C-alpha atoms as a PDB file:
ATOM      1  CA  UNK A   1      -2.418 -40.178 -11.301  1.00  0.00           C
ATOM      2  CA  UNK A   2       1.016 -38.672 -11.800  1.00  0.00           C
ATOM      3  CA  UNK A   3       1.774 -35.468  -9.275  1.00  0.00           C
ATOM      4  CA  UNK A   4       2.162 -33.087 -12.251  1.00  0.00           C
ATOM      5  CA  UNK A   5      -1.042 -34.359 -13.983  1.00  0.00           C
ATOM      6  CA  UNK A   6      -2.231 -34.218 -10.464  1.00  0.00           C
ATOM      7  CA  UNK A   7      -0.714 -30.181 -10.117  1.00  0.00           C
ATOM      8  CA  UNK A   8      -2.150 -29.680 -13.736  1.00  0.00           C
ATOM      9  CA  UNK A   9      -5.335 -30.377 -12.709  1.00  0.00           C
ATOM     10  CA  UNK A  10      -5.344 -28.288  -9.431  1.00  0.00           C
ATOM     11  CA  UNK A  11      -4.172 -25.072 -11.811  1.00  0.00           C
ATOM     12  CA  UNK A  12      -6.838 -25.809 -14.034  1.00  0.00           C
ATOM     13  CA  UNK A  13      -9.243 -25.611 -11.449  1.00  0.00           C
ATOM     14  CA  UNK A  14      -7.969 -22.208  -9.848  1.00  0.00           C
ATOM     15  CA  UNK A  15     -10.017 -19.469 -10.083  1.00  0.00           C
ATOM     16  CA  UNK A  16      -8.225 -16.737 -12.551  1.00  0.00           C
ATOM     17  CA  UNK A  17      -7.798 -14.286  -9.306  1.00  0.00           C
ATOM     18  CA  UNK A  18      -5.301 -17.136  -7.233  1.00  0.00           C
ATOM     19  CA  UNK A  19      -3.338 -17.402 -10.933  1.00  0.00           C
ATOM     20  CA  UNK A  20      -0.798 -15.183  -9.987  1.00  0.00           C
ATOM     21  CA  UNK A  21       0.082 -16.191  -6.569  1.00  0.00           C
ATOM     22  CA  UNK A  22      -0.081 -19.818  -7.651  1.00  0.00           C
ATOM     23  CA  UNK A  23       2.640 -18.662 -10.186  1.00  0.00           C
ATOM     24  CA  UNK A  24       4.462 -17.049  -7.483  1.00  0.00           C
ATOM     25  CA  UNK A  25       4.631 -20.465  -5.551  1.00  0.00           C
ATOM     26  CA  UNK A  26       5.265 -23.017  -8.081  1.00  0.00           C
ATOM     27  CA  UNK A  27       8.407 -20.218  -9.501  1.00  0.00           C
ATOM     28  CA  UNK A  28       9.937 -19.612  -5.319  1.00  0.00           C
ATOM     29  CA  UNK A  29      10.166 -23.769  -5.662  1.00  0.00           C
ATOM     30  CA  UNK A  30      11.636 -23.863  -8.755  1.00  0.00           C
ATOM     31  CA  UNK A  31      14.594 -21.386  -7.458  1.00  0.00           C
ATOM     32  CA  UNK A  32      14.523 -22.415  -3.795  1.00  0.00           C
ATOM     33  CA  UNK A  33      15.642 -26.352  -5.542  1.00  0.00           C
ATOM     34  CA  UNK A  34      17.722 -24.697  -7.852  1.00  0.00           C
ATOM     35  CA  UNK A  35      20.059 -22.072  -5.353  1.00  0.00           C
ATOM     36  CA  UNK A  36      22.870 -24.370  -4.220  1.00  0.00           C
ATOM     37  CA  UNK A  37      22.902 -21.913  -0.714  1.00  0.00           C
ATOM     38  CA  UNK A  38      19.320 -23.209  -0.379  1.00  0.00           C
ATOM     39  CA  UNK A  39      19.978 -26.843  -1.383  1.00  0.00           C
ATOM     40  CA  UNK A  40      22.954 -26.928   1.236  1.00  0.00           C
ATOM     41  CA  UNK A  41      21.005 -24.955   4.586  1.00  0.00           C
ATOM     42  CA  UNK A  42      17.983 -27.714   3.334  1.00  0.00           C
ATOM     43  CA  UNK A  43      20.580 -30.342   3.820  1.00  0.00           C
ATOM     44  CA  UNK A  44      22.154 -29.078   7.324  1.00  0.00           C
ATOM     45  CA  UNK A  45      21.713 -30.540  10.146  1.00  0.00           C
ATOM     46  CA  UNK A  46      19.699 -29.100  12.839  1.00  0.00           C
ATOM     47  CA  UNK A  47      21.373 -27.496  15.453  1.00  0.00           C
ATOM     48  CA  UNK A  48      20.703 -29.738  18.239  1.00  0.00           C
ATOM     49  CA  UNK A  49      23.814 -27.989  20.953  1.00  0.00           C
ATOM     50  CA  UNK A  50      22.318 -28.172  24.448  1.00  0.00           C
ATOM     51  CA  UNK A  51      20.668 -24.679  25.931  1.00  0.00           C
ATOM     52  CA  UNK A  52      22.982 -24.180  28.770  1.00  0.00           C
ATOM     53  CA  UNK A  53      22.639 -22.090  32.189  1.00  0.00           C
ATOM     54  CA  UNK A  54      24.650 -19.672  30.617  1.00  0.00           C
ATOM     55  CA  UNK A  55      22.314 -18.882  27.330  1.00  0.00           C
ATOM     56  CA  UNK A  56      19.559 -19.408  29.896  1.00  0.00           C
ATOM     57  CA  UNK A  57      20.608 -16.473  32.135  1.00  0.00           C
ATOM     58  CA  UNK A  58      21.741 -14.445  28.980  1.00  0.00           C
ATOM     59  CA  UNK A  59      18.031 -15.094  27.753  1.00  0.00           C
ATOM     60  CA  UNK A  60      16.635 -14.043  31.451  1.00  0.00           C
ATOM     61  CA  UNK A  61      18.758 -10.851  31.531  1.00  0.00           C
ATOM     62  CA  UNK A  62      17.507 -10.248  27.892  1.00  0.00           C
ATOM     63  CA  UNK A  63      13.776 -10.516  29.309  1.00  0.00           C
ATOM     64  CA  UNK A  64      14.084  -8.540  32.340  1.00  0.00           C
ATOM     65  CA  UNK A  65      15.883  -5.591  30.076  1.00  0.00           C
ATOM     66  CA  UNK A  66      12.479  -5.510  28.014  1.00  0.00           C
ATOM     67  CA  UNK A  67      10.575  -5.787  30.919  1.00  0.00           C
ATOM     68  CA  UNK A  68      12.080  -2.756  32.167  1.00  0.00           C
ATOM     69  CA  UNK A  69      11.935  -0.909  29.518  1.00  0.00           C
ATOM     70  CA  UNK A  70      15.774  -0.781  28.823  1.00  0.00           C
ATOM     71  CA  UNK A  71      16.034  -1.361  24.793  1.00  0.00           C
ATOM     72  CA  UNK A  72      17.731  -0.186  22.024  1.00  0.00           C
ATOM     73  CA  UNK A  73      15.118   0.758  18.811  1.00  0.00           C
ATOM     74  CA  UNK A  74      16.121  -0.783  15.132  1.00  0.00           C
ATOM     75  CA  UNK A  75      16.714   2.776  14.260  1.00  0.00           C
ATOM     76  CA  UNK A  76      19.135   3.290  17.057  1.00  0.00           C
ATOM     77  CA  UNK A  77      20.916   0.321  16.481  1.00  0.00           C
ATOM     78  CA  UNK A  78      21.649   1.245  12.658  1.00  0.00           C
ATOM     79  CA  UNK A  79      22.439   4.219  13.854  1.00  0.00           C
ATOM     80  CA  UNK A  80      25.120   3.174  16.429  1.00  0.00           C
ATOM     81  CA  UNK A  81      26.646   0.842  14.155  1.00  0.00           C
ATOM     82  CA  UNK A  82      26.028   2.904  10.389  1.00  0.00           C
ATOM     83  CA  UNK A  83      27.438   6.410  11.934  1.00  0.00           C
ATOM     84  CA  UNK A  84      24.946   9.260  12.116  1.00  0.00           C
ATOM     85  CA  UNK A  85      22.537   9.385   8.952  1.00  0.00           C
END
């Protein structure tokens, strides 16, 4: 059976309560395939650059800071970057 026919059959079999979700998902797929940036990003190679010792040290430092409670909230970062609200 052709893929479109299979999809039509599946939609016909869906309970009415699931039709809105199915429609939204299909609209998302349609939009995704028509968005030039999305197409470009989907075709981009995976970042396969190896993790360096410097990267690992920075990760360890960040996790240690988090464990010690030395963190900044999202709201505080926004305030620092955007100025007082």
